[in-house]
Amino acid sequence: MSIFTEKVGMTRRQFLKGSGMLAVAVIVTGVFA
């Protein structure tokens, strides 16, 4: 059970990091556009 929650936490963290990077990319392109 703890292994499953750890996996979910890792995927959630990776998703948050990915969405954050995407938001930064959108902001940067919007500024330079």
Protein backbone atom coordinates (compact mmCIF):
# COMPACT_ATOMS: atom_id res chain seq x y z
CA MET A 1 0.00 0.00 0.00
CA SER A 2 2.77 2.45 0.92
CA ILE A 3 4.56 1.62 -2.35
CA PHE A 4 1.38 2.48 -4.29
CA THR A 5 0.97 5.83 -2.52
CA GLU A 6 4.66 6.56 -3.15
CA LYS A 7 4.15 5.89 -6.88
CA VAL A 8 1.08 8.15 -6.94
CA GLY A 9 3.01 10.90 -5.14
CA MET A 10 5.90 10.62 -7.62
CA THR A 11 3.60 10.77 -10.65
CA ARG A 12 1.71 13.71 -9.14
CA ARG A 13 5.00 15.53 -8.48
CA GLN A 14 6.18 14.82 -12.03
CA PHE A 15 2.84 16.08 -13.41
CA LEU A 16 3.04 19.27 -11.35
CA LYS A 17 6.63 19.83 -12.50
CA GLY A 18 5.61 19.22 -16.13
CA SER A 19 2.64 21.60 -15.95
CA GLY A 20 4.84 24.22 -14.26
CA MET A 21 7.43 23.95 -17.04
CA LEU A 22 4.64 24.20 -19.62
CA ALA A 23 3.26 27.33 -17.95
CA VAL A 24 6.75 28.90 -17.92
CA ALA A 25 7.19 28.05 -21.61
CA VAL A 26 3.82 29.64 -22.46
CA ILE A 27 4.69 32.80 -20.49
CA VAL A 28 8.13 33.06 -22.15
CA THR A 29 6.70 32.60 -25.66
CA GLY A 30 3.95 35.13 -24.85
CA VAL A 31 6.55 37.69 -23.74
CA PHE A 32 8.79 37.20 -26.79
CA ALA A 33 5.91 36.87 -29.28
